[in-house]
Amino acid sequence: MHDYAVFGHDRVTIGRWLGFAAITISGGLGQLFAWANNLTGIDAFTKASLTTGVIYLILHWVFNKWVWKIPVFEVPDLNGIWELEGTTLNEDGGERFKWTGNIGIEQNWKTILIHLKTANSQSSSYTATLSKRYGPTGGWLLSYSYRNEPELEQTHELSSHKGYCEIELDSKLTVGKASYFNSAGRRTFGIMHLKRTL
């Protein structure tokens, strides 16, 4: 997985709030342990301490794993499998050939991986950005660069290459339409229609 950017989402501010919460919680726990020690006389409460740093790491892990999915943070959850139908186009925009495959997306708050698999090859993202589409239709634009490797039995016909893809996703994150182009080994381009299945 690799880092990705979400335009309009300030990760620095989230980090500050997590730091503020860590300071508050560790201070509160210190007071609770002191009160429990006075109440029970058990010295273990005095010796037990959770530092602000440990609290911050716990809060950051929880946020990175689950909390970022809450809609108020405006980061779309794209995790899952997307079935696709692709069309490679000619220079004049006509259909060259059709193909099918799946895109699997693994995502948390900080990192993402977009993996496309077809009968002949596989590709994995190495950069990605997300931007919200405003207006009556809404939705999101996922843009990413990828490396593609042909399956072993296809290496005599296909070559490794890099490419770029933009996927326009609907506001419910269930369907999308993409355009892509390849370079440095396979100069092709086309469109894809995606449907989320899992």
Protein backbone atom coordinates (compact mmCIF):
# COMPACT_ATOMS: atom_id res chain seq x y z
CA MET A 1 0.00 0.00 0.00
CA HIS A 2 1.10 3.59 -0.56
CA ASP A 3 0.11 7.06 0.63
CA TYR A 4 -2.63 8.97 -1.14
CA ALA A 5 -3.97 12.51 -1.05
CA VAL A 6 -7.56 13.61 -0.48
CA PHE A 7 -8.12 17.14 -1.73
CA GLY A 8 -10.02 19.23 0.81
CA HIS A 9 -9.25 16.88 3.72
CA ASP A 10 -6.75 18.31 6.23
CA ARG A 11 -4.85 15.42 7.82
CA VAL A 12 -2.74 17.88 9.84
CA THR A 13 -5.82 19.21 11.66
CA ILE A 14 -6.96 15.66 12.42
CA GLY A 15 -3.49 14.95 13.87
CA ARG A 16 -3.76 18.01 16.10
CA TRP A 17 -7.14 16.90 17.41
CA LEU A 18 -5.78 13.41 18.07
CA GLY A 19 -2.88 15.03 19.99
CA PHE A 20 -5.29 17.18 22.02
CA ALA A 21 -7.41 14.11 22.82
CA ALA A 22 -4.28 12.15 23.84
CA ILE A 23 -3.20 14.89 26.27
CA THR A 24 -6.72 15.13 27.74
CA ILE A 25 -7.16 11.37 28.12
CA SER A 26 -3.71 10.76 29.63
CA GLY A 27 -4.29 13.61 32.13
CA GLY A 28 -7.69 12.20 33.01
CA LEU A 29 -6.30 8.70 33.49
CA GLY A 30 -3.54 10.11 35.73
CA GLN A 31 -6.17 11.75 37.90
CA LEU A 32 -8.25 8.57 37.93
CA PHE A 33 -5.25 6.46 39.01
CA ALA A 34 -4.41 8.94 41.80
CA TRP A 35 -8.04 8.92 43.00
CA ALA A 36 -8.15 5.09 42.88
CA ASN A 37 -4.90 4.96 44.89
CA ASN A 38 -6.32 7.30 47.57
CA LEU A 39 -9.57 5.38 47.68
CA THR A 40 -8.15 1.85 47.85
CA GLY A 41 -4.62 2.38 49.11
CA ILE A 42 -3.36 0.02 46.40
CA ASP A 43 0.01 1.33 45.24
CA ALA A 44 -0.34 -0.30 41.81
CA PHE A 45 -2.59 2.54 40.67
CA THR A 46 0.19 5.06 41.31
CA LYS A 47 2.70 3.01 39.33
CA ALA A 48 0.35 2.49 36.38
CA SER A 49 0.71 5.22 33.82
CA LEU A 50 -0.14 5.62 30.19
CA THR A 51 1.96 8.28 28.53
CA THR A 52 0.51 10.80 26.10
CA GLY A 53 2.54 9.20 23.32
CA VAL A 54 1.01 5.76 23.90
CA ILE A 55 -2.50 7.24 24.02
CA TYR A 56 -1.79 9.11 20.77
CA LEU A 57 -0.60 5.92 19.04
CA ILE A 58 -3.74 4.08 20.15
CA LEU A 59 -6.03 6.91 19.01
CA HIS A 60 -4.20 7.19 15.67
CA TRP A 61 -4.46 3.43 15.08
CA VAL A 62 -8.20 3.44 15.86
CA PHE A 63 -8.79 6.46 13.62
CA ASN A 64 -6.72 4.98 10.77
CA LYS A 65 -8.58 1.65 11.02
CA TRP A 66 -12.22 2.67 11.55
CA VAL A 67 -13.08 6.26 12.52
CA TRP A 68 -12.09 7.87 9.18
CA LYS A 69 -15.05 6.09 7.56
CA ILE A 70 -17.55 8.29 9.44
CA PRO A 71 -19.09 10.57 6.75
CA VAL A 72 -18.28 13.80 8.64
CA PHE A 73 -14.59 13.35 7.71
CA GLU A 74 -15.45 13.29 3.98
CA VAL A 75 -13.09 10.50 2.96
CA PRO A 76 -14.88 7.92 0.78
CA ASP A 77 -14.50 4.27 1.73
CA LEU A 78 -13.60 2.50 -1.53
CA ASN A 79 -12.61 -0.84 0.01
CA GLY A 80 -13.91 -3.81 -1.92
CA ILE A 81 -14.10 -5.49 -5.30
CA TRP A 82 -15.26 -3.69 -8.42
CA GLU A 83 -16.18 -5.67 -11.56
CA LEU A 84 -15.29 -3.92 -14.77
CA GLU A 85 -15.91 -4.04 -18.47
CA GLY A 86 -13.17 -2.36 -20.46
CA THR A 87 -12.94 -1.16 -24.03
CA THR A 88 -9.63 -0.39 -25.70
CA LEU A 89 -10.15 2.33 -28.30
CA ASN A 90 -8.65 3.18 -31.69
CA GLU A 91 -7.17 6.59 -32.48
CA ASP A 92 -10.50 7.64 -34.01
CA GLY A 93 -12.40 6.63 -30.84
CA GLY A 94 -13.79 3.42 -32.29
CA GLU A 95 -13.74 0.11 -30.46
CA ARG A 96 -10.52 -1.88 -30.82
CA PHE A 97 -11.42 -4.74 -28.46
CA LYS A 98 -13.33 -5.45 -25.24
CA TRP A 99 -12.01 -7.04 -22.05
CA THR A 100 -13.17 -7.74 -18.49
CA GLY A 101 -11.56 -7.81 -15.07
CA ASN A 102 -11.79 -6.84 -11.42
CA ILE A 103 -10.37 -3.98 -9.41
CA GLY A 104 -9.68 -4.67 -5.74
CA ILE A 105 -9.18 -1.63 -3.50
CA GLU A 106 -7.61 -1.84 -0.06
CA GLN A 107 -7.75 1.45 1.83
CA ASN A 108 -7.39 3.01 5.25
CA TRP A 109 -7.07 6.66 6.26
CA LYS A 110 -3.41 6.99 5.28
CA THR A 111 -2.78 4.43 2.54
CA ILE A 112 -4.46 2.80 -0.44
CA LEU A 113 -3.76 0.12 -3.05
CA ILE A 114 -5.69 -0.25 -6.31
CA HIS A 115 -5.11 -3.65 -7.93
CA LEU A 116 -6.56 -4.51 -11.34
CA LYS A 117 -6.59 -8.11 -12.58
CA THR A 118 -7.57 -9.32 -16.03
CA ALA A 119 -7.11 -12.65 -17.77
CA ASN A 120 -3.82 -11.43 -19.28
CA SER A 121 -2.21 -9.06 -16.78
CA GLN A 122 -2.24 -7.37 -13.37
CA SER A 123 -1.58 -3.79 -12.37
CA SER A 124 -1.00 -2.07 -9.02
CA SER A 125 -1.16 1.61 -8.17
CA TYR A 126 1.83 3.55 -6.86
CA THR A 127 0.26 7.04 -6.54
CA ALA A 128 -3.35 8.10 -6.00
CA THR A 129 -5.51 11.14 -5.27
CA LEU A 130 -9.17 11.59 -4.40
CA SER A 131 -11.20 14.72 -5.05
CA LYS A 132 -14.86 15.40 -4.30
CA ARG A 133 -17.10 16.27 -7.26
CA TYR A 134 -19.50 19.04 -6.31
CA GLY A 135 -22.76 19.89 -7.98
CA PRO A 136 -26.08 18.11 -8.44
CA THR A 137 -24.58 14.71 -9.30
CA GLY A 138 -21.76 14.77 -6.72
CA GLY A 139 -19.47 11.79 -6.44
CA TRP A 140 -15.70 11.43 -6.37
CA LEU A 141 -12.79 11.36 -8.79
CA LEU A 142 -10.12 8.73 -8.11
CA SER A 143 -6.92 9.34 -10.08
CA TYR A 144 -3.98 6.96 -9.94
CA SER A 145 -0.80 5.87 -11.68
CA TYR A 146 -0.02 2.17 -12.01
CA ARG A 147 2.48 -0.44 -13.13
CA ASN A 148 1.22 -3.35 -15.21
CA GLU A 149 2.80 -6.79 -15.54
CA PRO A 150 1.55 -9.42 -18.01
CA GLU A 151 0.83 -12.94 -16.80
CA LEU A 152 3.76 -15.28 -17.48
CA GLU A 153 2.07 -17.04 -20.39
CA GLN A 154 1.35 -13.66 -22.04
CA THR A 155 4.89 -12.22 -21.92
CA HIS A 156 5.53 -13.16 -25.56
CA GLU A 157 2.65 -10.87 -26.65
CA LEU A 158 2.38 -8.23 -23.91
CA SER A 159 5.03 -6.10 -22.23
CA SER A 160 5.26 -4.42 -18.83
CA HIS A 161 4.20 -0.80 -18.86
CA LYS A 162 3.05 2.15 -16.79
CA GLY A 163 -0.23 3.97 -17.07
CA TYR A 164 -2.67 6.48 -15.63
CA CYS A 165 -6.37 6.13 -14.83
CA GLU A 166 -9.20 8.44 -13.70
CA ILE A 167 -12.38 6.92 -12.30
CA GLU A 168 -15.51 9.03 -11.83
CA LEU A 169 -17.50 7.44 -8.99
CA ASP A 170 -21.15 8.14 -8.22
CA SER A 171 -22.13 9.69 -4.88
CA LYS A 172 -23.24 6.29 -3.50
CA LEU A 173 -19.86 4.74 -4.43
CA THR A 174 -21.49 1.86 -6.30
CA VAL A 175 -20.65 2.51 -9.97
CA GLY A 176 -17.98 4.35 -11.90
CA LYS A 177 -16.73 5.23 -15.34
CA ALA A 178 -13.01 5.40 -16.06
CA SER A 179 -10.63 6.50 -18.75
CA TYR A 180 -7.07 5.23 -18.92
CA PHE A 181 -3.96 5.41 -21.04
CA ASN A 182 -0.78 3.35 -21.11
CA SER A 183 2.74 4.30 -22.11
CA ALA A 184 6.33 3.04 -21.91
CA GLY A 185 5.68 -0.43 -23.27
CA ARG A 186 2.05 -0.47 -24.43
CA ARG A 187 0.63 2.62 -26.07
CA THR A 188 -3.09 1.97 -25.66
CA PHE A 189 -6.01 3.84 -24.14
CA GLY A 190 -9.66 3.25 -23.44
CA ILE A 191 -12.58 3.36 -21.04
CA MET A 192 -13.91 1.14 -18.26
CA HIS A 193 -17.32 0.76 -16.61
CA LEU A 194 -17.15 -0.37 -12.98
CA LYS A 195 -19.70 -1.84 -10.60
CA ARG A 196 -19.03 -2.49 -6.93
CA THR A 197 -19.76 -6.09 -5.97
CA LEU A 198 -18.30 -6.36 -2.45
